[in-house]
C-alpha cells in the first residue's frame, strides 16, 4: 500500500533540463546501432543520440541549437575583437609561388 508521502512529482517544464526519449526499435536497427557504436567507440545510447542530432541537423537545414559555441563563431569573435591584428605587421613568408606547383 502506498502512502501519500511516497508520491513522485513530475518536473515536465523545467527550463534547460534534458529530456529522455525511450524507443523500441526492430532488432535489425538495434544491430546497426551497435555496429555504429562499436565503430565510433561509444555506447549504443551515445551513438543513437549522435545519429539523432545529426539527422535533425540535416533535416533542419544545418541549424540546431548547440550546447557549445561553434569554432567559426569563436574565430569571428576573436577577429572582430582584434586578436589577430598583430598578423598585419608580420612579413609575408609564403605566397602562391612558394612550394611545388600543383
PDB file of N, CA and C in Angstrom:
ATOM      1  N   UNK A   1       0.829  -1.179   0.000  1.00  0.00           N
ATOM      2  CA  UNK A   1       0.000   0.000   0.000  1.00  0.00           C
ATOM      3  C   UNK A   1       0.871   1.238   0.000  1.00  0.00           C
ATOM      4  N   UNK A   2       0.539   2.171  -0.891  1.00  0.00           N
ATOM      5  CA  UNK A   2       1.323   3.402  -0.977  1.00  0.00           C
ATOM      6  C   UNK A   2       0.739   4.478  -0.085  1.00  0.00           C
ATOM      7  N   UNK A   3       1.624   5.251   0.455  1.00  0.00           N
ATOM      8  CA  UNK A   3       1.164   6.388   1.255  1.00  0.00           C
ATOM      9  C   UNK A   3       1.315   7.654   0.441  1.00  0.00           C
ATOM     10  N   UNK A   4       0.693   8.708   0.856  1.00  0.00           N
ATOM     11  CA  UNK A   4       0.759   9.981   0.147  1.00  0.00           C
ATOM     12  C   UNK A   4       2.171  10.553   0.108  1.00  0.00           C
ATOM     13  N   UNK A   5       2.998  10.211   1.077  1.00  0.00           N
ATOM     14  CA  UNK A   5       4.353  10.754   1.137  1.00  0.00           C
ATOM     15  C   UNK A   5       5.257  10.155   0.076  1.00  0.00           C
ATOM     16  N   UNK A   6       4.890   8.999  -0.477  1.00  0.00           N
ATOM     17  CA  UNK A   6       5.741   8.323  -1.453  1.00  0.00           C
ATOM     18  C   UNK A   6       5.435   8.742  -2.894  1.00  0.00           C
ATOM     19  N   UNK A   7       4.571   9.744  -3.069  1.00  0.00           N
ATOM     20  CA  UNK A   7       4.220  10.179  -4.414  1.00  0.00           C
ATOM     21  C   UNK A   7       5.420  10.796  -5.116  1.00  0.00           C
ATOM     22  N   UNK A   8       5.515  10.510  -6.415  1.00  0.00           N
ATOM     23  CA  UNK A   8       6.563  11.130  -7.222  1.00  0.00           C
ATOM     24  C   UNK A   8       6.026  12.425  -7.804  1.00  0.00           C
ATOM     25  N   UNK A   9       6.864  13.427  -7.845  1.00  0.00           N
ATOM     26  CA  UNK A   9       6.471  14.670  -8.504  1.00  0.00           C
ATOM     27  C   UNK A   9       7.114  14.702  -9.874  1.00  0.00           C
ATOM     28  N   UNK A  10       6.375  15.175 -10.862  1.00  0.00           N
ATOM     29  CA  UNK A  10       6.876  15.235 -12.234  1.00  0.00           C
ATOM     30  C   UNK A  10       7.344  16.655 -12.513  1.00  0.00           C
ATOM     31  N   UNK A  11       8.526  16.750 -13.072  1.00  0.00           N
ATOM     32  CA  UNK A  11       9.069  18.041 -13.471  1.00  0.00           C
ATOM     33  C   UNK A  11       9.124  18.078 -14.989  1.00  0.00           C
ATOM     34  N   UNK A  12       8.028  18.401 -15.607  1.00  0.00           N
ATOM     35  CA  UNK A  12       7.960  18.327 -17.063  1.00  0.00           C
ATOM     36  C   UNK A  12       8.388  19.614 -17.746  1.00  0.00           C
ATOM     37  N   UNK A  13       8.242  20.743 -17.108  1.00  0.00           N
ATOM     38  CA  UNK A  13       8.533  22.012 -17.766  1.00  0.00           C
ATOM     39  C   UNK A  13       9.688  22.771 -17.130  1.00  0.00           C
ATOM     40  N   UNK A  14      10.708  22.080 -16.685  1.00  0.00           N
ATOM     41  CA  UNK A  14      11.863  22.737 -16.103  1.00  0.00           C
ATOM     42  C   UNK A  14      12.765  23.206 -17.241  1.00  0.00           C
ATOM     43  N   UNK A  15      12.960  24.529 -17.396  1.00  0.00           N
ATOM     44  CA  UNK A  15      13.797  25.029 -18.497  1.00  0.00           C
ATOM     45  C   UNK A  15      15.240  24.531 -18.391  1.00  0.00           C
ATOM     46  N   UNK A  16      15.826  24.184 -19.520  1.00  0.00           N
ATOM     47  CA  UNK A  16      17.216  23.752 -19.558  1.00  0.00           C
ATOM     48  C   UNK A  16      17.451  22.318 -19.130  1.00  0.00           C
ATOM     49  N   UNK A  17      16.440  21.665 -18.681  1.00  0.00           N
ATOM     50  CA  UNK A  17      16.594  20.281 -18.229  1.00  0.00           C
ATOM     51  C   UNK A  17      16.496  19.339 -19.418  1.00  0.00           C
ATOM     52  N   UNK A  18      17.411  18.409 -19.498  1.00  0.00           N
ATOM     53  CA  UNK A  18      17.394  17.441 -20.592  1.00  0.00           C
ATOM     54  C   UNK A  18      16.192  16.530 -20.478  1.00  0.00           C
ATOM     55  N   UNK A  19      15.680  16.149 -21.611  1.00  0.00           N
ATOM     56  CA  UNK A  19      14.545  15.237 -21.673  1.00  0.00           C
ATOM     57  C   UNK A  19      15.040  13.859 -22.080  1.00  0.00           C
ATOM     58  N   UNK A  20      14.271  12.858 -21.772  1.00  0.00           N
ATOM     59  CA  UNK A  20      14.636  11.481 -22.095  1.00  0.00           C
ATOM     60  C   UNK A  20      13.660  10.919 -23.098  1.00  0.00           C
ATOM     61  N   UNK A  21      14.187  10.170 -24.066  1.00  0.00           N
ATOM     62  CA  UNK A  21      13.364   9.524 -25.074  1.00  0.00           C
ATOM     63  C   UNK A  21      13.604   8.020 -24.967  1.00  0.00           C
ATOM     64  N   UNK A  22      12.542   7.273 -24.752  1.00  0.00           N
ATOM     65  CA  UNK A  22      12.631   5.816 -24.709  1.00  0.00           C
ATOM     66  C   UNK A  22      12.010   5.271 -25.981  1.00  0.00           C
ATOM     67  N   UNK A  23      12.760   4.497 -26.722  1.00  0.00           N
ATOM     68  CA  UNK A  23      12.290   3.972 -28.007  1.00  0.00           C
ATOM     69  C   UNK A  23      12.421   2.465 -28.046  1.00  0.00           C
ATOM     70  N   UNK A  24      11.483   1.836 -28.697  1.00  0.00           N
ATOM     71  CA  UNK A  24      11.601   0.415 -29.016  1.00  0.00           C
ATOM     72  C   UNK A  24      11.914   0.348 -30.490  1.00  0.00           C
ATOM     73  N   UNK A  25      12.974  -0.395 -30.847  1.00  0.00           N
ATOM     74  CA  UNK A  25      13.386  -0.495 -32.244  1.00  0.00           C
ATOM     75  C   UNK A  25      13.456  -1.955 -32.662  1.00  0.00           C
ATOM     76  N   UNK A  26      13.370  -2.151 -33.953  1.00  0.00           N
ATOM     77  CA  UNK A  26      13.480  -3.501 -34.510  1.00  0.00           C
ATOM     78  C   UNK A  26      14.893  -4.036 -34.246  1.00  0.00           C
ATOM     79  N   UNK A  27      15.036  -5.367 -34.122  1.00  0.00           N
ATOM     80  CA  UNK A  27      16.362  -5.951 -33.866  1.00  0.00           C
ATOM     81  C   UNK A  27      17.412  -5.554 -34.908  1.00  0.00           C
ATOM     82  N   UNK A  28      17.020  -5.449 -36.174  1.00  0.00           N
ATOM     83  CA  UNK A  28      17.991  -5.084 -37.215  1.00  0.00           C
ATOM     84  C   UNK A  28      18.503  -3.660 -37.005  1.00  0.00           C
ATOM     85  N   UNK A  29      17.616  -2.753 -36.591  1.00  0.00           N
ATOM     86  CA  UNK A  29      18.024  -1.373 -36.335  1.00  0.00           C
ATOM     87  C   UNK A  29      18.945  -1.313 -35.122  1.00  0.00           C
ATOM     88  N   UNK A  30      18.636  -2.104 -34.099  1.00  0.00           N
ATOM     89  CA  UNK A  30      19.493  -2.129 -32.914  1.00  0.00           C
ATOM     90  C   UNK A  30      20.881  -2.671 -33.264  1.00  0.00           C
ATOM     91  N   UNK A  31      20.933  -3.691 -34.117  1.00  0.00           N
ATOM     92  CA  UNK A  31      22.229  -4.223 -34.555  1.00  0.00           C
ATOM     93  C   UNK A  31      23.018  -3.150 -35.289  1.00  0.00           C
ATOM     94  N   UNK A  32      22.329  -2.375 -36.127  1.00  0.00           N
ATOM     95  CA  UNK A  32      23.000  -1.291 -36.841  1.00  0.00           C
ATOM     96  C   UNK A  32      23.532  -0.258 -35.849  1.00  0.00           C
ATOM     97  N   UNK A  33      22.754   0.065 -34.814  1.00  0.00           N
ATOM     98  CA  UNK A  33      23.212   0.998 -33.782  1.00  0.00           C
ATOM     99  C   UNK A  33      24.431   0.448 -33.046  1.00  0.00           C
ATOM    100  N   UNK A  34      24.406  -0.847 -32.751  1.00  0.00           N
ATOM    101  CA  UNK A  34      25.564  -1.474 -32.089  1.00  0.00           C
ATOM    102  C   UNK A  34      26.805  -1.378 -32.973  1.00  0.00           C
ATOM    103  N   UNK A  35      26.641  -1.582 -34.275  1.00  0.00           N
ATOM    104  CA  UNK A  35      27.772  -1.500 -35.206  1.00  0.00           C
ATOM    105  C   UNK A  35      28.346  -0.091 -35.228  1.00  0.00           C
ATOM    106  N   UNK A  36      27.468   0.891 -35.330  1.00  0.00           N
ATOM    107  CA  UNK A  36      27.924   2.287 -35.329  1.00  0.00           C
ATOM    108  C   UNK A  36      28.612   2.614 -34.010  1.00  0.00           C
ATOM    109  N   UNK A  37      28.033   2.196 -32.911  1.00  0.00           N
ATOM    110  CA  UNK A  37      28.611   2.463 -31.594  1.00  0.00           C
ATOM    111  C   UNK A  37      30.002   1.854 -31.475  1.00  0.00           C
ATOM    112  N   UNK A  38      30.140   0.625 -31.952  1.00  0.00           N
ATOM    113  CA  UNK A  38      31.437  -0.046 -31.893  1.00  0.00           C
ATOM    114  C   UNK A  38      32.467   0.707 -32.737  1.00  0.00           C
ATOM    115  N   UNK A  39      32.076   1.144 -33.943  1.00  0.00           N
ATOM    116  CA  UNK A  39      32.990   1.870 -34.834  1.00  0.00           C
ATOM    117  C   UNK A  39      33.393   3.206 -34.225  1.00  0.00           C
ATOM    118  N   UNK A  40      32.452   3.880 -33.590  1.00  0.00           N
ATOM    119  CA  UNK A  40      32.720   5.193 -33.004  1.00  0.00           C
ATOM    120  C   UNK A  40      33.286   5.098 -31.586  1.00  0.00           C
ATOM    121  N   UNK A  41      33.349   3.878 -31.056  1.00  0.00           N
ATOM    122  CA  UNK A  41      33.810   3.630 -29.687  1.00  0.00           C
ATOM    123  C   UNK A  41      32.959   4.375 -28.664  1.00  0.00           C
ATOM    124  N   UNK A  42      31.638   4.261 -28.874  1.00  0.00           N
ATOM    125  CA  UNK A  42      30.652   4.845 -27.971  1.00  0.00           C
ATOM    126  C   UNK A  42      29.729   3.742 -27.492  1.00  0.00           C
ATOM    127  N   UNK A  43      28.898   4.090 -26.527  1.00  0.00           N
ATOM    128  CA  UNK A  43      27.836   3.177 -26.125  1.00  0.00           C
ATOM    129  C   UNK A  43      26.697   3.299 -27.140  1.00  0.00           C
ATOM    130  N   UNK A  44      25.776   2.349 -27.107  1.00  0.00           N
ATOM    131  CA  UNK A  44      24.631   2.398 -28.021  1.00  0.00           C
ATOM    132  C   UNK A  44      23.807   3.667 -27.788  1.00  0.00           C
ATOM    133  N   UNK A  45      23.502   4.056 -26.539  1.00  0.00           N
ATOM    134  CA  UNK A  45      22.749   5.305 -26.351  1.00  0.00           C
ATOM    135  C   UNK A  45      23.500   6.542 -26.867  1.00  0.00           C
ATOM    136  N   UNK A  46      24.825   6.575 -26.684  1.00  0.00           N
ATOM    137  CA  UNK A  46      25.600   7.699 -27.198  1.00  0.00           C
ATOM    138  C   UNK A  46      25.545   7.753 -28.722  1.00  0.00           C
ATOM    139  N   UNK A  47      25.671   6.596 -29.359  1.00  0.00           N
ATOM    140  CA  UNK A  47      25.614   6.544 -30.821  1.00  0.00           C
ATOM    141  C   UNK A  47      24.232   6.950 -31.316  1.00  0.00           C
ATOM    142  N   UNK A  48      23.178   6.492 -30.638  1.00  0.00           N
ATOM    143  CA  UNK A  48      21.816   6.848 -31.027  1.00  0.00           C
ATOM    144  C   UNK A  48      21.604   8.355 -30.899  1.00  0.00           C
ATOM    145  N   UNK A  49      22.081   8.940 -29.816  1.00  0.00           N
ATOM    146  CA  UNK A  49      21.940  10.389 -29.622  1.00  0.00           C
ATOM    147  C   UNK A  49      22.671  11.151 -30.713  1.00  0.00           C
ATOM    148  N   UNK A  50      23.890  10.719 -31.030  1.00  0.00           N
ATOM    149  CA  UNK A  50      24.673  11.385 -32.075  1.00  0.00           C
ATOM    150  C   UNK A  50      23.947  11.297 -33.422  1.00  0.00           C
ATOM    151  N   UNK A  51      23.430  10.131 -33.754  1.00  0.00           N
ATOM    152  CA  UNK A  51      22.728   9.961 -35.024  1.00  0.00           C
ATOM    153  C   UNK A  51      21.431  10.779 -35.070  1.00  0.00           C
ATOM    154  N   UNK A  52      20.725  10.852 -33.961  1.00  0.00           N
ATOM    155  CA  UNK A  52      19.508  11.668 -33.905  1.00  0.00           C
ATOM    156  C   UNK A  52      19.864  13.137 -34.110  1.00  0.00           C
ATOM    157  N   UNK A  53      20.910  13.616 -33.420  1.00  0.00           N
ATOM    158  CA  UNK A  53      21.318  15.012 -33.560  1.00  0.00           C
ATOM    159  C   UNK A  53      21.737  15.329 -34.995  1.00  0.00           C
ATOM    160  N   UNK A  54      22.525  14.428 -35.613  1.00  0.00           N
ATOM    161  CA  UNK A  54      22.954  14.646 -36.993  1.00  0.00           C
ATOM    162  C   UNK A  54      21.762  14.650 -37.948  1.00  0.00           C
ATOM    163  N   UNK A  55      20.820  13.725 -37.738  1.00  0.00           N
ATOM    164  CA  UNK A  55      19.637  13.672 -38.585  1.00  0.00           C
ATOM    165  C   UNK A  55      18.784  14.918 -38.452  1.00  0.00           C
ATOM    166  N   UNK A  56      18.605  15.396 -37.218  1.00  0.00           N
ATOM    167  CA  UNK A  56      17.823  16.614 -37.012  1.00  0.00           C
ATOM    168  C   UNK A  56      18.526  17.834 -37.591  1.00  0.00           C
ATOM    169  N   UNK A  57      19.844  17.877 -37.440  1.00  0.00           N
ATOM    170  CA  UNK A  57      20.616  18.986 -38.010  1.00  0.00           C
ATOM    171  C   UNK A  57      20.453  19.004 -39.526  1.00  0.00           C
ATOM    172  N   UNK A  58      20.525  17.843 -40.153  1.00  0.00           N
ATOM    173  CA  UNK A  58      20.351  17.733 -41.605  1.00  0.00           C
ATOM    174  C   UNK A  58      18.933  18.131 -42.002  1.00  0.00           C
ATOM    175  N   UNK A  59      17.961  17.647 -41.262  1.00  0.00           N
ATOM    176  CA  UNK A  59      16.557  17.932 -41.564  1.00  0.00           C
ATOM    177  C   UNK A  59      16.227  19.413 -41.379  1.00  0.00           C
ATOM    178  N   UNK A  60      16.864  20.043 -40.388  1.00  0.00           N
ATOM    179  CA  UNK A  60      16.598  21.452 -40.090  1.00  0.00           C
ATOM    180  C   UNK A  60      17.443  22.376 -40.960  1.00  0.00           C
ATOM    181  N   UNK A  61      18.148  21.839 -41.942  1.00  0.00           N
ATOM    182  CA  UNK A  61      18.953  22.673 -42.824  1.00  0.00           C
ATOM    183  C   UNK A  61      20.234  23.173 -42.192  1.00  0.00           C
ATOM    184  N   UNK A  62      20.768  22.425 -41.266  1.00  0.00           N
ATOM    185  CA  UNK A  62      22.041  22.795 -40.659  1.00  0.00           C
ATOM    186  C   UNK A  62      21.900  23.575 -39.373  1.00  0.00           C
ATOM    187  N   UNK A  63      20.689  24.062 -39.069  1.00  0.00           N
ATOM    188  CA  UNK A  63      20.528  24.836 -37.848  1.00  0.00           C
ATOM    189  C   UNK A  63      20.081  23.935 -36.710  1.00  0.00           C
ATOM    190  N   UNK A  64      20.841  23.954 -35.642  1.00  0.00           N
ATOM    191  CA  UNK A  64      20.468  23.249 -34.419  1.00  0.00           C
ATOM    192  C   UNK A  64      20.960  24.072 -33.247  1.00  0.00           C
ATOM    193  N   UNK A  65      20.182  24.205 -32.204  1.00  0.00           N
ATOM    194  CA  UNK A  65      20.705  24.876 -31.022  1.00  0.00           C
ATOM    195  C   UNK A  65      21.863  24.049 -30.463  1.00  0.00           C
ATOM    196  N   UNK A  66      22.938  24.704 -30.159  1.00  0.00           N
ATOM    197  CA  UNK A  66      24.135  23.991 -29.715  1.00  0.00           C
ATOM    198  C   UNK A  66      24.361  24.179 -28.220  1.00  0.00           C
ATOM    199  N   UNK A  67      24.973  23.192 -27.608  1.00  0.00           N
ATOM    200  CA  UNK A  67      25.354  23.307 -26.212  1.00  0.00           C
ATOM    201  C   UNK A  67      26.612  24.148 -26.072  1.00  0.00           C
ATOM    202  N   UNK A  68      27.362  24.274 -27.165  1.00  0.00           N
ATOM    203  CA  UNK A  68      28.637  24.960 -27.135  1.00  0.00           C
ATOM    204  C   UNK A  68      28.729  25.901 -28.329  1.00  0.00           C
ATOM    205  N   UNK A  69      29.589  26.887 -28.252  1.00  0.00           N
ATOM    206  CA  UNK A  69      29.786  27.829 -29.339  1.00  0.00           C
ATOM    207  C   UNK A  69      30.620  27.177 -30.428  1.00  0.00           C
ATOM    208  N   UNK A  70      30.207  27.347 -31.682  1.00  0.00           N
ATOM    209  CA  UNK A  70      30.919  26.750 -32.807  1.00  0.00           C
ATOM    210  C   UNK A  70      32.278  27.430 -32.995  1.00  0.00           C
ATOM    211  N   UNK A  71      33.230  26.678 -33.534  1.00  0.00           N
ATOM    212  CA  UNK A  71      34.596  27.177 -33.715  1.00  0.00           C
ATOM    213  C   UNK A  71      34.632  28.407 -34.621  1.00  0.00           C
ATOM    214  N   UNK A  72      33.849  28.404 -35.709  1.00  0.00           N
ATOM    215  CA  UNK A  72      33.879  29.552 -36.607  1.00  0.00           C
ATOM    216  C   UNK A  72      33.324  30.811 -35.938  1.00  0.00           C
ATOM    217  N   UNK A  73      32.391  30.643 -34.999  1.00  0.00           N
ATOM    218  CA  UNK A  73      31.870  31.796 -34.265  1.00  0.00           C
ATOM    219  C   UNK A  73      32.926  32.354 -33.307  1.00  0.00           C
ATOM    220  N   UNK A  74      33.698  31.478 -32.692  1.00  0.00           N
ATOM    221  CA  UNK A  74      34.779  31.919 -31.801  1.00  0.00           C
ATOM    222  C   UNK A  74      35.845  32.654 -32.606  1.00  0.00           C
ATOM    223  N   UNK A  75      36.211  32.110 -33.777  1.00  0.00           N
ATOM    224  CA  UNK A  75      37.214  32.753 -34.622  1.00  0.00           C
ATOM    225  C   UNK A  75      36.741  34.129 -35.097  1.00  0.00           C
ATOM    226  N   UNK A  76      35.467  34.229 -35.485  1.00  0.00           N
ATOM    227  CA  UNK A  76      34.925  35.521 -35.923  1.00  0.00           C
ATOM    228  C   UNK A  76      34.936  36.528 -34.781  1.00  0.00           C
ATOM    229  N   UNK A  77      34.590  36.092 -33.594  1.00  0.00           N
ATOM    230  CA  UNK A  77      34.603  36.964 -32.432  1.00  0.00           C
ATOM    231  C   UNK A  77      36.029  37.441 -32.129  1.00  0.00           C
ATOM    232  N   UNK A  78      36.989  36.521 -32.196  1.00  0.00           N
ATOM    233  CA  UNK A  78      38.387  36.888 -31.947  1.00  0.00           C
ATOM    234  C   UNK A  78      38.894  37.877 -33.003  1.00  0.00           C
ATOM    235  N   UNK A  79      38.499  37.663 -34.264  1.00  0.00           N
ATOM    236  CA  UNK A  79      38.927  38.571 -35.337  1.00  0.00           C
ATOM    237  C   UNK A  79      38.323  39.957 -35.136  1.00  0.00           C
ATOM    238  N   UNK A  80      37.036  40.020 -34.794  1.00  0.00           N
ATOM    239  CA  UNK A  80      36.384  41.317 -34.560  1.00  0.00           C
ATOM    240  C   UNK A  80      36.973  42.014 -33.348  1.00  0.00           C
ATOM    241  N   UNK A  81      37.423  41.229 -32.368  1.00  0.00           N
ATOM    242  CA  UNK A  81      37.974  41.810 -31.152  1.00  0.00           C
ATOM    243  C   UNK A  81      39.420  42.257 -31.283  1.00  0.00           C
ATOM    244  N   UNK A  82      40.042  41.994 -32.436  1.00  0.00           N
ATOM    245  CA  UNK A  82      41.410  42.443 -32.661  1.00  0.00           C
ATOM    246  C   UNK A  82      42.483  41.450 -32.253  1.00  0.00           C
ATOM    247  N   UNK A  83      42.119  40.233 -31.961  1.00  0.00           N
ATOM    248  CA  UNK A  83      43.081  39.236 -31.512  1.00  0.00           C
ATOM    249  C   UNK A  83      44.125  38.903 -32.583  1.00  0.00           C
ATOM    250  N   UNK A  84      43.765  39.099 -33.858  1.00  0.00           N
ATOM    251  CA  UNK A  84      44.690  38.754 -34.937  1.00  0.00           C
ATOM    252  C   UNK A  84      45.292  39.987 -35.612  1.00  0.00           C
ATOM    253  N   UNK A  85      45.113  41.155 -35.024  1.00  0.00           N
ATOM    254  CA  UNK A  85      45.623  42.383 -35.632  1.00  0.00           C
ATOM    255  C   UNK A  85      47.142  42.369 -35.785  1.00  0.00           C
ATOM    256  N   UNK A  86      47.843  41.682 -34.910  1.00  0.00           N
ATOM    257  CA  UNK A  86      49.304  41.642 -34.968  1.00  0.00           C
ATOM    258  C   UNK A  86      49.803  40.968 -36.244  1.00  0.00           C
ATOM    259  N   UNK A  87      48.970  40.155 -36.865  1.00  0.00           N
ATOM    260  CA  UNK A  87      49.387  39.474 -38.090  1.00  0.00           C
ATOM    261  C   UNK A  87      49.602  40.447 -39.248  1.00  0.00           C
ATOM    262  N   UNK A  88      48.963  41.611 -39.220  1.00  0.00           N
ATOM    263  CA  UNK A  88      49.109  42.590 -40.294  1.00  0.00           C
ATOM    264  C   UNK A  88      50.549  43.105 -40.373  1.00  0.00           C
ATOM    265  N   UNK A  89      51.258  43.141 -39.251  1.00  0.00           N
ATOM    266  CA  UNK A  89      52.635  43.632 -39.232  1.00  0.00           C
ATOM    267  C   UNK A  89      53.652  42.541 -39.560  1.00  0.00           C
ATOM    268  N   UNK A  90      53.228  41.298 -39.632  1.00  0.00           N
ATOM    269  CA  UNK A  90      54.137  40.193 -39.923  1.00  0.00           C
ATOM    270  C   UNK A  90      54.472  40.157 -41.415  1.00  0.00           C
ATOM    271  N   UNK A  91      55.721  39.837 -41.757  1.00  0.00           N
ATOM    272  CA  UNK A  91      56.073  39.743 -43.182  1.00  0.00           C
ATOM    273  C   UNK A  91      55.416  38.519 -43.828  1.00  0.00           C
ATOM    274  N   UNK A  92      55.127  38.641 -45.122  1.00  0.00           N
ATOM    275  CA  UNK A  92      54.564  37.523 -45.881  1.00  0.00           C
ATOM    276  C   UNK A  92      55.700  36.573 -46.232  1.00  0.00           C
ATOM    277  N   UNK A  93      55.724  35.401 -45.650  1.00  0.00           N
ATOM    278  CA  UNK A  93      56.788  34.443 -45.914  1.00  0.00           C
ATOM    279  C   UNK A  93      56.453  33.526 -47.083  1.00  0.00           C
ATOM    280  N   UNK A  94      55.186  33.337 -47.320  1.00  0.00           N
ATOM    281  CA  UNK A  94      54.758  32.422 -48.364  1.00  0.00           C
ATOM    282  C   UNK A  94      53.713  33.103 -49.249  1.00  0.00           C
ATOM    283  N   UNK A  95      53.735  32.724 -50.521  1.00  0.00           N
ATOM    284  CA  UNK A  95      52.707  33.216 -51.431  1.00  0.00           C
ATOM    285  C   UNK A  95      52.335  32.089 -52.391  1.00  0.00           C
ATOM    286  N   UNK A  96      51.613  32.428 -53.456  1.00  0.00           N
ATOM    287  CA  UNK A  96      51.151  31.397 -54.401  1.00  0.00           C
ATOM    288  C   UNK A  96      52.288  30.702 -55.128  1.00  0.00           C
ATOM    289  N   UNK A  97      53.453  31.343 -55.210  1.00  0.00           N
ATOM    290  CA  UNK A  97      54.582  30.759 -55.940  1.00  0.00           C
ATOM    291  C   UNK A  97      55.464  29.915 -55.037  1.00  0.00           C
ATOM    292  N   UNK A  98      55.212  29.904 -53.742  1.00  0.00           N
ATOM    293  CA  UNK A  98      56.024  29.119 -52.808  1.00  0.00           C
ATOM    294  C   UNK A  98      55.693  27.641 -52.947  1.00  0.00           C
ATOM    295  N   UNK A  99      56.681  26.812 -52.767  1.00  0.00           N
ATOM    296  CA  UNK A  99      56.455  25.373 -52.787  1.00  0.00           C
ATOM    297  C   UNK A  99      56.374  24.802 -54.187  1.00  0.00           C
ATOM    298  N   UNK A 100      55.903  23.593 -54.257  1.00  0.00           N
ATOM    299  CA  UNK A 100      55.818  22.899 -55.531  1.00  0.00           C
ATOM    300  C   UNK A 100      54.556  23.312 -56.283  1.00  0.00           C
ATOM    301  N   UNK A 101      54.665  23.418 -57.624  1.00  0.00           N
ATOM    302  CA  UNK A 101      53.449  23.752 -58.385  1.00  0.00           C
ATOM    303  C   UNK A 101      52.455  22.592 -58.322  1.00  0.00           C
ATOM    304  N   UNK A 102      51.203  22.924 -58.411  1.00  0.00           N
ATOM    305  CA  UNK A 102      50.151  21.895 -58.364  1.00  0.00           C
ATOM    306  C   UNK A 102      50.003  21.211 -59.685  1.00  0.00           C
TER     307      UNK A 102
END
